[in-house]
Amino acid sequence: MANFTTADIKALRDRTGAGMMDAKKALTEADGDIEAAVDALRAKGLATAQKKSSRTAAEGLVGLAVEGTKGVAVEVNSETDFVAKNDQFQDFVRNVTETALKTGTDDVEALKAATYPGGGTVAEKLTDSIATIGENQQIRRIKNVAVDQGVVVAYAHNAAAANLGKIGVLVALESAASADVLEALGKQLAMHIAAAFPLALNADGLDAELIERERSIARDKASESGKPENVQEKMVEGAVAKFAKENALLSQLFVIDNKTPIADVVTKAGKDAGSPIVLKDYVRFQLGEGIEKEESDFAAEVAAAVAG
C-alpha cells in the first residue's frame, strides 16, 4: 500500500517541476519520503527547480531595524496575510524589532523576556496581540549584524510599510569610505541578496550536511553516466564546486550584469572610493521559509459542517 497521497504527489511536483508519473514513481521508490524523492528526481535530471525551500509557507512580516553600525532582522509569523496588513500587528512587529536591536540578542526566548516599549515583557505583549487580533502569532527568528566602522543597510522586499516586508535583507559593510558610497553599494547588494538567495557568505560557510547531500546527488548522476570511475569523481567534485560557487554570496554573479562576482563588485567599489570595503556579514529572512503550511479545502470544510 502506498505511503503517500495525491497531495504528496502535487507537493513534489510543485517543488521539482517533474511530471506526474515521474513524481509518483519517485515517491513509490522512496517509500513516501518527499525529501528522498526530491533528491532522486534531481539525480535523474527530472527536477527543474533547484531549491524551493524559499517558498513562502506562512504569513506575517519580517521586520528590520538599523541604528548606526548595527542592525537586526526579526521574523514574526501570523496565520493569514490579512493580519500582516493590520496596523496593530505592524506596530507590534516594529516594536519587537526595535527591542531586538536594543538587546542585541539572537535568542527568541531572551527577546520574549525583554521589556516591551511602554511596559511589560515582549512575551506578555505577544499574548495580548494574539488575544486582541484573534489569530496565532509567533516570533520565529532573529539575527543581529554589526560592524566596527561602516554601515548596515536594510532592504525590505514587498514592503507592507517602512522596514516591514515579505523578505528582509541586511548588509553589513565595514569601511572608512563615505556613508553615501556605502549606502548605495549596500542597497545594490541587498537587492541582489533578495533575488539570488545565497546560502552563506562564502563557500566555507555552507552547511556541511548540505554539501554532502549535493555530493551524494552528484555521485548518483555520475554513476548513471557509465564513465570510468576517475572521470565520475571529477564530475562529482565539479558539481559540488559549482553548487558552492552559485550559493555562496561572494562568488555569486551580480544580478545587475550577471558576470561579475560579488567579491569583485565590492573590491572595485572600495578602489573607486579610495578606501577598502569588506562585506562582513548579511541577513536574508524570507517570510515562512522552511515552514510547511497546511492547506485546507474550504468547500470540504463547509460540506462537513453542513453534514454535522
C-alpha atoms as a PDB file:
ATOM      1  CA  MET A   1       0.000   0.000   0.000  1.00  0.00           C
ATOM      2  CA  ALA A   2       1.377   3.431  -0.953  1.00  0.00           C
ATOM      3  CA  ASN A   3       2.745   5.563   1.873  1.00  0.00           C
ATOM      4  CA  PHE A   4       1.772   8.822   0.195  1.00  0.00           C
ATOM      5  CA  THR A   5      -1.239  10.700  -1.077  1.00  0.00           C
ATOM      6  CA  THR A   6      -2.160  12.685  -4.167  1.00  0.00           C
ATOM      7  CA  ALA A   7      -1.378  15.801  -2.115  1.00  0.00           C
ATOM      8  CA  ASP A   8       2.179  14.485  -1.676  1.00  0.00           C
ATOM      9  CA  ILE A   9       2.473  13.992  -5.435  1.00  0.00           C
ATOM     10  CA  LYS A  10       1.286  17.551  -6.005  1.00  0.00           C
ATOM     11  CA  ALA A  11       3.724  18.891  -3.402  1.00  0.00           C
ATOM     12  CA  LEU A  12       6.606  17.030  -5.054  1.00  0.00           C
ATOM     13  CA  ARG A  13       5.619  18.330  -8.490  1.00  0.00           C
ATOM     14  CA  ASP A  14       5.405  21.889  -7.150  1.00  0.00           C
ATOM     15  CA  ARG A  15       8.873  21.620  -5.648  1.00  0.00           C
ATOM     16  CA  THR A  16      10.604  19.953  -8.591  1.00  0.00           C
ATOM     17  CA  GLY A  17       8.591  20.659 -11.753  1.00  0.00           C
ATOM     18  CA  ALA A  18       8.621  16.921 -12.538  1.00  0.00           C
ATOM     19  CA  GLY A  19       5.766  15.211 -14.394  1.00  0.00           C
ATOM     20  CA  MET A  20       3.007  13.443 -12.505  1.00  0.00           C
ATOM     21  CA  MET A  21       4.150   9.906 -13.327  1.00  0.00           C
ATOM     22  CA  ASP A  22       7.782  10.722 -12.553  1.00  0.00           C
ATOM     23  CA  ALA A  23       6.756  12.236  -9.226  1.00  0.00           C
ATOM     24  CA  LYS A  24       4.575   9.232  -8.380  1.00  0.00           C
ATOM     25  CA  LYS A  25       7.347   6.792  -9.295  1.00  0.00           C
ATOM     26  CA  ALA A  26       9.903   8.706  -7.226  1.00  0.00           C
ATOM     27  CA  LEU A  27       7.615   8.678  -4.182  1.00  0.00           C
ATOM     28  CA  THR A  28       6.955   4.959  -4.642  1.00  0.00           C
ATOM     29  CA  GLU A  29      10.660   4.190  -4.793  1.00  0.00           C
ATOM     30  CA  ALA A  30      11.314   6.470  -1.801  1.00  0.00           C
ATOM     31  CA  ASP A  31       8.517   4.833   0.204  1.00  0.00           C
ATOM     32  CA  GLY A  32       6.726   8.178   0.530  1.00  0.00           C
ATOM     33  CA  ASP A  33       9.765  10.167   1.733  1.00  0.00           C
ATOM     34  CA  ILE A  34       9.392  13.509  -0.090  1.00  0.00           C
ATOM     35  CA  GLU A  35      12.967  14.681   0.581  1.00  0.00           C
ATOM     36  CA  ALA A  36      14.403  11.418  -0.764  1.00  0.00           C
ATOM     37  CA  ALA A  37      12.104  11.682  -3.784  1.00  0.00           C
ATOM     38  CA  VAL A  38      13.323  15.249  -4.462  1.00  0.00           C
ATOM     39  CA  ASP A  39      16.933  14.019  -4.384  1.00  0.00           C
ATOM     40  CA  ALA A  40      16.119  11.096  -6.688  1.00  0.00           C
ATOM     41  CA  LEU A  41      14.410  13.346  -9.246  1.00  0.00           C
ATOM     42  CA  ARG A  42      17.311  15.791  -9.195  1.00  0.00           C
ATOM     43  CA  ALA A  43      19.817  12.952  -9.606  1.00  0.00           C
ATOM     44  CA  LYS A  44      17.896  11.801 -12.686  1.00  0.00           C
ATOM     45  CA  GLY A  45      17.744  15.332 -14.065  1.00  0.00           C
ATOM     46  CA  LEU A  46      13.948  15.413 -13.805  1.00  0.00           C
ATOM     47  CA  ALA A  47      13.720  18.252 -11.313  1.00  0.00           C
ATOM     48  CA  THR A  48      13.626  21.678 -12.889  1.00  0.00           C
ATOM     49  CA  ALA A  49      13.670  23.659  -9.660  1.00  0.00           C
ATOM     50  CA  GLN A  50      16.929  23.539  -7.696  1.00  0.00           C
ATOM     51  CA  LYS A  51      15.575  24.783  -4.449  1.00  0.00           C
ATOM     52  CA  LYS A  52      12.109  25.518  -3.207  1.00  0.00           C
ATOM     53  CA  SER A  53      12.829  25.850   0.464  1.00  0.00           C
ATOM     54  CA  SER A  54      12.393  29.594  -0.018  1.00  0.00           C
ATOM     55  CA  ARG A  55       8.710  29.183  -0.945  1.00  0.00           C
ATOM     56  CA  THR A  56       6.597  31.201   1.466  1.00  0.00           C
ATOM     57  CA  ALA A  57       4.567  28.812   3.626  1.00  0.00           C
ATOM     58  CA  ALA A  58       3.399  31.116   6.453  1.00  0.00           C
ATOM     59  CA  GLU A  59       2.188  34.670   6.790  1.00  0.00           C
ATOM     60  CA  GLY A  60       3.301  37.667   8.840  1.00  0.00           C
ATOM     61  CA  LEU A  61       6.178  40.101   8.391  1.00  0.00           C
ATOM     62  CA  VAL A  62       9.934  40.393   8.532  1.00  0.00           C
ATOM     63  CA  GLY A  63      10.941  43.484  10.499  1.00  0.00           C
ATOM     64  CA  LEU A  64      14.225  45.367  10.067  1.00  0.00           C
ATOM     65  CA  ALA A  65      15.872  47.971  12.281  1.00  0.00           C
ATOM     66  CA  VAL A  66      19.205  49.768  11.935  1.00  0.00           C
ATOM     67  CA  GLU A  67      20.969  52.151  14.279  1.00  0.00           C
ATOM     68  CA  GLY A  68      24.467  53.383  13.487  1.00  0.00           C
ATOM     69  CA  THR A  69      26.721  50.430  12.786  1.00  0.00           C
ATOM     70  CA  LYS A  70      24.332  47.689  13.875  1.00  0.00           C
ATOM     71  CA  GLY A  71      21.121  46.179  12.570  1.00  0.00           C
ATOM     72  CA  VAL A  72      18.670  43.353  13.208  1.00  0.00           C
ATOM     73  CA  ALA A  73      16.111  41.285  11.319  1.00  0.00           C
ATOM     74  CA  VAL A  74      13.150  39.602  13.060  1.00  0.00           C
ATOM     75  CA  GLU A  75      10.522  37.304  11.567  1.00  0.00           C
ATOM     76  CA  VAL A  76       7.081  37.362  13.199  1.00  0.00           C
ATOM     77  CA  ASN A  77       4.520  34.926  11.816  1.00  0.00           C
ATOM     78  CA  SER A  78       0.745  35.134  11.704  1.00  0.00           C
ATOM     79  CA  GLU A  79      -1.868  32.778  10.318  1.00  0.00           C
ATOM     80  CA  THR A  80      -3.099  34.984   7.456  1.00  0.00           C
ATOM     81  CA  ASP A  81      -1.799  37.705   5.196  1.00  0.00           C
ATOM     82  CA  PHE A  82      -4.778  39.806   6.279  1.00  0.00           C
ATOM     83  CA  VAL A  83      -3.239  40.181   9.744  1.00  0.00           C
ATOM     84  CA  ALA A  84       0.080  41.276   8.212  1.00  0.00           C
ATOM     85  CA  LYS A  85      -1.787  44.316   6.841  1.00  0.00           C
ATOM     86  CA  ASN A  86      -3.216  45.143  10.272  1.00  0.00           C
ATOM     87  CA  ASP A  87      -1.809  48.356  11.796  1.00  0.00           C
ATOM     88  CA  GLN A  88      -1.734  46.834  15.275  1.00  0.00           C
ATOM     89  CA  PHE A  89       0.263  43.812  14.073  1.00  0.00           C
ATOM     90  CA  GLN A  90       2.658  46.039  12.148  1.00  0.00           C
ATOM     91  CA  ASP A  91       3.226  48.167  15.253  1.00  0.00           C
ATOM     92  CA  PHE A  92       3.888  45.022  17.261  1.00  0.00           C
ATOM     93  CA  VAL A  93       6.464  43.741  14.747  1.00  0.00           C
ATOM     94  CA  ARG A  94       8.098  47.174  14.593  1.00  0.00           C
ATOM     95  CA  ASN A  95       8.380  47.400  18.392  1.00  0.00           C
ATOM     96  CA  VAL A  96       9.641  43.828  18.727  1.00  0.00           C
ATOM     97  CA  THR A  97      12.302  44.538  16.111  1.00  0.00           C
ATOM     98  CA  GLU A  98      13.416  47.726  17.870  1.00  0.00           C
ATOM     99  CA  THR A  99      13.598  45.788  21.141  1.00  0.00           C
ATOM    100  CA  ALA A 100      15.714  43.096  19.478  1.00  0.00           C
ATOM    101  CA  LEU A 101      18.103  45.802  18.258  1.00  0.00           C
ATOM    102  CA  LYS A 102      18.457  47.257  21.766  1.00  0.00           C
ATOM    103  CA  THR A 103      19.027  43.884  23.417  1.00  0.00           C
ATOM    104  CA  GLY A 104      21.348  42.600  20.702  1.00  0.00           C
ATOM    105  CA  THR A 105      20.139  39.050  21.273  1.00  0.00           C
ATOM    106  CA  ASP A 106      19.608  36.394  18.603  1.00  0.00           C
ATOM    107  CA  ASP A 107      17.710  34.190  21.058  1.00  0.00           C
ATOM    108  CA  VAL A 108      13.921  34.243  20.753  1.00  0.00           C
ATOM    109  CA  GLU A 109      13.290  33.313  24.399  1.00  0.00           C
ATOM    110  CA  ALA A 110      15.661  36.045  25.599  1.00  0.00           C
ATOM    111  CA  LEU A 111      13.822  38.556  23.414  1.00  0.00           C
ATOM    112  CA  LYS A 112      10.471  37.449  24.823  1.00  0.00           C
ATOM    113  CA  ALA A 113      11.787  38.108  28.314  1.00  0.00           C
ATOM    114  CA  ALA A 114      12.925  41.627  27.369  1.00  0.00           C
ATOM    115  CA  THR A 115      10.951  44.740  28.281  1.00  0.00           C
ATOM    116  CA  TYR A 116       8.482  45.855  25.613  1.00  0.00           C
ATOM    117  CA  PRO A 117       8.176  49.617  24.878  1.00  0.00           C
ATOM    118  CA  GLY A 118       5.571  51.028  27.259  1.00  0.00           C
ATOM    119  CA  GLY A 119       5.967  48.286  29.878  1.00  0.00           C
ATOM    120  CA  GLY A 120       5.577  44.558  30.349  1.00  0.00           C
ATOM    121  CA  THR A 121       7.564  41.916  28.511  1.00  0.00           C
ATOM    122  CA  VAL A 122       7.604  41.079  24.827  1.00  0.00           C
ATOM    123  CA  ALA A 123       6.033  37.707  25.698  1.00  0.00           C
ATOM    124  CA  GLU A 124       3.155  39.407  27.504  1.00  0.00           C
ATOM    125  CA  LYS A 125       2.575  41.788  24.598  1.00  0.00           C
ATOM    126  CA  LEU A 126       2.616  38.844  22.202  1.00  0.00           C
ATOM    127  CA  THR A 127      -0.108  37.185  24.255  1.00  0.00           C
ATOM    128  CA  ASP A 128      -2.125  40.408  24.195  1.00  0.00           C
ATOM    129  CA  SER A 129      -1.714  40.716  20.429  1.00  0.00           C
ATOM    130  CA  ILE A 130      -2.938  37.157  19.902  1.00  0.00           C
ATOM    131  CA  ALA A 131      -5.962  37.749  22.140  1.00  0.00           C
ATOM    132  CA  THR A 132      -6.846  41.090  20.525  1.00  0.00           C
ATOM    133  CA  ILE A 133      -6.379  40.108  16.889  1.00  0.00           C
ATOM    134  CA  GLY A 134      -7.746  36.608  17.385  1.00  0.00           C
ATOM    135  CA  GLU A 135      -5.050  34.827  15.436  1.00  0.00           C
ATOM    136  CA  ASN A 136      -1.970  32.867  16.457  1.00  0.00           C
ATOM    137  CA  GLN A 137       1.337  34.750  16.169  1.00  0.00           C
ATOM    138  CA  GLN A 138       4.904  33.626  16.756  1.00  0.00           C
ATOM    139  CA  ILE A 139       8.294  35.329  16.956  1.00  0.00           C
ATOM    140  CA  ARG A 140      10.231  32.856  14.858  1.00  0.00           C
ATOM    141  CA  ARG A 141      13.840  34.012  14.478  1.00  0.00           C
ATOM    142  CA  ILE A 142      16.257  36.908  14.950  1.00  0.00           C
ATOM    143  CA  LYS A 143      19.671  37.848  13.624  1.00  0.00           C
ATOM    144  CA  ASN A 144      21.816  40.828  14.558  1.00  0.00           C
ATOM    145  CA  VAL A 145      24.757  42.112  12.494  1.00  0.00           C
ATOM    146  CA  ALA A 146      27.277  44.856  13.236  1.00  0.00           C
ATOM    147  CA  VAL A 147      30.490  46.475  12.025  1.00  0.00           C
ATOM    148  CA  ASP A 148      33.154  48.437  13.888  1.00  0.00           C
ATOM    149  CA  GLN A 149      33.222  51.115  11.191  1.00  0.00           C
ATOM    150  CA  GLY A 150      30.920  51.488   8.208  1.00  0.00           C
ATOM    151  CA  VAL A 151      27.206  50.880   7.726  1.00  0.00           C
ATOM    152  CA  VAL A 152      24.455  48.302   7.999  1.00  0.00           C
ATOM    153  CA  VAL A 153      21.935  48.699   5.173  1.00  0.00           C
ATOM    154  CA  ALA A 154      18.344  47.433   5.409  1.00  0.00           C
ATOM    155  CA  TYR A 155      16.128  46.471   2.479  1.00  0.00           C
ATOM    156  CA  ALA A 156      12.544  45.186   2.667  1.00  0.00           C
ATOM    157  CA  HIS A 157      11.189  43.479  -0.454  1.00  0.00           C
ATOM    158  CA  ASN A 158       7.410  43.512  -0.991  1.00  0.00           C
ATOM    159  CA  ALA A 159       7.245  46.087   1.782  1.00  0.00           C
ATOM    160  CA  ALA A 160       3.988  46.479   3.700  1.00  0.00           C
ATOM    161  CA  ALA A 161       5.440  49.560   5.418  1.00  0.00           C
ATOM    162  CA  ALA A 162       8.880  51.035   6.052  1.00  0.00           C
ATOM    163  CA  ASN A 163      11.285  48.214   7.022  1.00  0.00           C
ATOM    164  CA  LEU A 164       8.474  45.646   7.093  1.00  0.00           C
ATOM    165  CA  GLY A 165       8.137  43.143   4.265  1.00  0.00           C
ATOM    166  CA  LYS A 166       7.965  39.598   2.950  1.00  0.00           C
ATOM    167  CA  ILE A 167      11.741  39.436   2.506  1.00  0.00           C
ATOM    168  CA  GLY A 168      14.088  41.324   4.797  1.00  0.00           C
ATOM    169  CA  VAL A 169      17.768  41.843   3.990  1.00  0.00           C
ATOM    170  CA  LEU A 170      20.610  43.390   5.978  1.00  0.00           C
ATOM    171  CA  VAL A 171      24.057  44.092   4.529  1.00  0.00           C
ATOM    172  CA  ALA A 172      26.976  44.877   6.845  1.00  0.00           C
ATOM    173  CA  LEU A 173      29.806  46.784   5.123  1.00  0.00           C
ATOM    174  CA  GLU A 174      32.992  47.586   7.020  1.00  0.00           C
ATOM    175  CA  SER A 175      34.964  50.546   5.636  1.00  0.00           C
ATOM    176  CA  ALA A 176      36.164  54.092   6.197  1.00  0.00           C
ATOM    177  CA  ALA A 177      34.532  55.109   2.906  1.00  0.00           C
ATOM    178  CA  SER A 178      31.773  57.729   2.991  1.00  0.00           C
ATOM    179  CA  ALA A 179      28.355  56.704   4.238  1.00  0.00           C
ATOM    180  CA  ASP A 180      26.747  57.727   0.937  1.00  0.00           C
ATOM    181  CA  VAL A 181      29.011  55.373  -1.046  1.00  0.00           C
ATOM    182  CA  LEU A 182      28.421  52.510   1.374  1.00  0.00           C
ATOM    183  CA  GLU A 183      24.657  53.053   1.476  1.00  0.00           C
ATOM    184  CA  ALA A 184      24.443  52.973  -2.331  1.00  0.00           C
ATOM    185  CA  LEU A 185      26.553  49.813  -2.562  1.00  0.00           C
ATOM    186  CA  GLY A 186      24.665  48.204   0.312  1.00  0.00           C
ATOM    187  CA  LYS A 187      21.318  48.823  -1.387  1.00  0.00           C
ATOM    188  CA  GLN A 188      22.505  47.161  -4.609  1.00  0.00           C
ATOM    189  CA  LEU A 189      23.928  44.195  -2.711  1.00  0.00           C
ATOM    190  CA  ALA A 190      20.752  43.864  -0.656  1.00  0.00           C
ATOM    191  CA  MET A 191      18.623  43.707  -3.789  1.00  0.00           C
ATOM    192  CA  HIS A 192      20.977  41.063  -5.194  1.00  0.00           C
ATOM    193  CA  ILE A 193      20.686  39.034  -1.979  1.00  0.00           C
ATOM    194  CA  ALA A 194      16.894  39.258  -2.046  1.00  0.00           C
ATOM    195  CA  ALA A 195      16.837  37.933  -5.616  1.00  0.00           C
ATOM    196  CA  ALA A 196      19.714  35.434  -5.587  1.00  0.00           C
ATOM    197  CA  PHE A 197      19.112  33.778  -2.182  1.00  0.00           C
ATOM    198  CA  PRO A 198      22.727  33.000  -1.153  1.00  0.00           C
ATOM    199  CA  LEU A 199      23.046  30.304   1.486  1.00  0.00           C
ATOM    200  CA  ALA A 200      26.254  31.616   3.087  1.00  0.00           C
ATOM    201  CA  LEU A 201      28.729  34.478   2.816  1.00  0.00           C
ATOM    202  CA  ASN A 202      31.431  32.249   1.342  1.00  0.00           C
ATOM    203  CA  ALA A 203      31.930  28.590   0.425  1.00  0.00           C
ATOM    204  CA  ASP A 204      33.441  27.762   3.831  1.00  0.00           C
ATOM    205  CA  GLY A 205      30.221  28.911   5.474  1.00  0.00           C
ATOM    206  CA  LEU A 206      27.968  26.486   3.585  1.00  0.00           C
ATOM    207  CA  ASP A 207      26.371  23.826   5.753  1.00  0.00           C
ATOM    208  CA  ALA A 208      28.449  20.617   5.704  1.00  0.00           C
ATOM    209  CA  GLU A 209      25.359  18.391   5.554  1.00  0.00           C
ATOM    210  CA  LEU A 210      24.050  20.368   2.588  1.00  0.00           C
ATOM    211  CA  ILE A 211      27.363  19.949   0.733  1.00  0.00           C
ATOM    212  CA  GLU A 212      27.354  16.229   1.470  1.00  0.00           C
ATOM    213  CA  ARG A 213      23.805  15.964   0.162  1.00  0.00           C
ATOM    214  CA  GLU A 214      24.851  17.687  -3.066  1.00  0.00           C
ATOM    215  CA  ARG A 215      27.824  15.355  -3.346  1.00  0.00           C
ATOM    216  CA  SER A 216      25.547  12.339  -2.958  1.00  0.00           C
ATOM    217  CA  ILE A 217      23.196  13.634  -5.660  1.00  0.00           C
ATOM    218  CA  ALA A 218      26.131  14.360  -7.980  1.00  0.00           C
ATOM    219  CA  ARG A 219      27.531  10.874  -7.342  1.00  0.00           C
ATOM    220  CA  ASP A 220      24.219   9.292  -8.340  1.00  0.00           C
ATOM    221  CA  LYS A 221      24.180  11.330 -11.552  1.00  0.00           C
ATOM    222  CA  ALA A 222      27.776  10.444 -12.344  1.00  0.00           C
ATOM    223  CA  SER A 223      27.219   6.726 -11.777  1.00  0.00           C
ATOM    224  CA  GLU A 224      24.447   6.762 -14.360  1.00  0.00           C
ATOM    225  CA  SER A 225      26.815   8.208 -16.971  1.00  0.00           C
ATOM    226  CA  GLY A 226      28.678   4.902 -17.343  1.00  0.00           C
ATOM    227  CA  LYS A 227      32.009   6.746 -17.482  1.00  0.00           C
ATOM    228  CA  PRO A 228      35.233   5.485 -15.821  1.00  0.00           C
ATOM    229  CA  GLU A 229      35.430   5.854 -12.049  1.00  0.00           C
ATOM    230  CA  ASN A 230      38.147   8.529 -12.125  1.00  0.00           C
ATOM    231  CA  VAL A 231      36.056  10.591 -14.550  1.00  0.00           C
ATOM    232  CA  GLN A 232      32.992  10.163 -12.361  1.00  0.00           C
ATOM    233  CA  GLU A 233      34.896  11.500  -9.344  1.00  0.00           C
ATOM    234  CA  LYS A 234      35.910  14.598 -11.298  1.00  0.00           C
ATOM    235  CA  MET A 235      32.278  15.043 -12.322  1.00  0.00           C
ATOM    236  CA  VAL A 236      31.209  14.856  -8.683  1.00  0.00           C
ATOM    237  CA  GLU A 237      33.792  17.363  -7.437  1.00  0.00           C
ATOM    238  CA  GLY A 238      32.992  19.691 -10.321  1.00  0.00           C
ATOM    239  CA  ALA A 239      29.283  19.600  -9.493  1.00  0.00           C
ATOM    240  CA  VAL A 240      29.951  20.306  -5.797  1.00  0.00           C
ATOM    241  CA  ALA A 241      32.275  23.198  -6.662  1.00  0.00           C
ATOM    242  CA  LYS A 242      29.616  24.628  -8.991  1.00  0.00           C
ATOM    243  CA  PHE A 243      26.985  24.356  -6.254  1.00  0.00           C
ATOM    244  CA  ALA A 244      29.246  26.139  -3.770  1.00  0.00           C
ATOM    245  CA  LYS A 245      30.054  28.900  -6.247  1.00  0.00           C
ATOM    246  CA  GLU A 246      26.398  29.515  -7.074  1.00  0.00           C
ATOM    247  CA  ASN A 247      25.233  29.543  -3.446  1.00  0.00           C
ATOM    248  CA  ALA A 248      27.992  31.469  -1.645  1.00  0.00           C
ATOM    249  CA  LEU A 249      27.321  35.210  -1.782  1.00  0.00           C
ATOM    250  CA  LEU A 250      30.852  36.402  -2.542  1.00  0.00           C
ATOM    251  CA  SER A 251      31.192  34.086  -5.560  1.00  0.00           C
ATOM    252  CA  GLN A 252      27.692  34.638  -6.960  1.00  0.00           C
ATOM    253  CA  LEU A 253      27.440  36.652 -10.163  1.00  0.00           C
ATOM    254  CA  PHE A 254      25.983  40.119  -9.602  1.00  0.00           C
ATOM    255  CA  VAL A 255      22.365  40.145 -10.794  1.00  0.00           C
ATOM    256  CA  ILE A 256      22.825  43.548 -12.416  1.00  0.00           C
ATOM    257  CA  ASP A 257      25.331  42.349 -15.047  1.00  0.00           C
ATOM    258  CA  ASN A 258      25.283  38.562 -14.499  1.00  0.00           C
ATOM    259  CA  LYS A 259      29.054  38.323 -14.999  1.00  0.00           C
ATOM    260  CA  THR A 260      30.894  39.982 -12.106  1.00  0.00           C
ATOM    261  CA  PRO A 261      31.374  38.022  -8.842  1.00  0.00           C
ATOM    262  CA  ILE A 262      30.080  39.901  -5.798  1.00  0.00           C
ATOM    263  CA  ALA A 263      33.579  39.845  -4.264  1.00  0.00           C
ATOM    264  CA  ASP A 264      34.878  41.794  -7.298  1.00  0.00           C
ATOM    265  CA  VAL A 265      31.971  44.253  -7.123  1.00  0.00           C
ATOM    266  CA  VAL A 266      32.876  45.065  -3.511  1.00  0.00           C
ATOM    267  CA  THR A 267      36.610  45.308  -4.266  1.00  0.00           C
ATOM    268  CA  LYS A 268      36.032  47.694  -7.172  1.00  0.00           C
ATOM    269  CA  ALA A 269      33.705  49.873  -5.074  1.00  0.00           C
ATOM    270  CA  GLY A 270      36.425  50.152  -2.454  1.00  0.00           C
ATOM    271  CA  LYS A 271      39.036  51.163  -5.028  1.00  0.00           C
ATOM    272  CA  ASP A 272      36.703  53.767  -6.504  1.00  0.00           C
ATOM    273  CA  ALA A 273      36.000  55.127  -3.007  1.00  0.00           C
ATOM    274  CA  GLY A 274      39.684  55.241  -2.097  1.00  0.00           C
ATOM    275  CA  SER A 275      39.109  53.015   0.939  1.00  0.00           C
ATOM    276  CA  PRO A 276      38.841  49.183   1.132  1.00  0.00           C
ATOM    277  CA  ILE A 277      35.342  47.826   1.680  1.00  0.00           C
ATOM    278  CA  VAL A 278      34.660  44.488   3.336  1.00  0.00           C
ATOM    279  CA  LEU A 279      31.305  42.723   3.049  1.00  0.00           C
ATOM    280  CA  LYS A 280      31.420  41.461   6.618  1.00  0.00           C
ATOM    281  CA  ASP A 281      28.011  39.844   7.002  1.00  0.00           C
ATOM    282  CA  TYR A 282      24.455  39.725   5.716  1.00  0.00           C
ATOM    283  CA  VAL A 283      20.988  38.510   6.662  1.00  0.00           C
ATOM    284  CA  ARG A 284      18.242  37.295   4.358  1.00  0.00           C
ATOM    285  CA  PHE A 285      14.956  36.329   6.010  1.00  0.00           C
ATOM    286  CA  GLN A 286      12.124  35.244   3.750  1.00  0.00           C
ATOM    287  CA  LEU A 287       8.733  35.042   5.376  1.00  0.00           C
ATOM    288  CA  GLY A 288       7.690  31.475   6.105  1.00  0.00           C
ATOM    289  CA  GLU A 289      10.892  29.990   4.718  1.00  0.00           C
ATOM    290  CA  GLY A 290      11.030  26.294   5.570  1.00  0.00           C
ATOM    291  CA  ILE A 291       7.650  26.235   7.325  1.00  0.00           C
ATOM    292  CA  GLU A 292       5.109  23.785   5.960  1.00  0.00           C
ATOM    293  CA  LYS A 293       1.676  25.334   5.878  1.00  0.00           C
ATOM    294  CA  GLU A 294      -1.363  23.104   5.944  1.00  0.00           C
ATOM    295  CA  GLU A 295      -3.693  23.816   3.034  1.00  0.00           C
ATOM    296  CA  SER A 296      -7.373  23.445   3.769  1.00  0.00           C
ATOM    297  CA  ASP A 297     -10.167  22.557   1.369  1.00  0.00           C
ATOM    298  CA  PHE A 298     -12.732  25.246   2.198  1.00  0.00           C
ATOM    299  CA  ALA A 299     -15.521  23.556   0.205  1.00  0.00           C
ATOM    300  CA  ALA A 300     -14.929  20.285   2.016  1.00  0.00           C
ATOM    301  CA  GLU A 301     -14.917  22.033   5.380  1.00  0.00           C
ATOM    302  CA  VAL A 302     -18.260  23.679   4.621  1.00  0.00           C
ATOM    303  CA  ALA A 303     -19.743  20.379   3.443  1.00  0.00           C
ATOM    304  CA  ALA A 304     -18.529  18.634   6.584  1.00  0.00           C
ATOM    305  CA  ALA A 305     -20.011  21.396   8.762  1.00  0.00           C
ATOM    306  CA  VAL A 306     -23.368  21.158   6.994  1.00  0.00           C
ATOM    307  CA  ALA A 307     -23.363  17.371   7.359  1.00  0.00           C
ATOM    308  CA  GLY A 308     -22.844  17.838  11.068  1.00  0.00           C
END
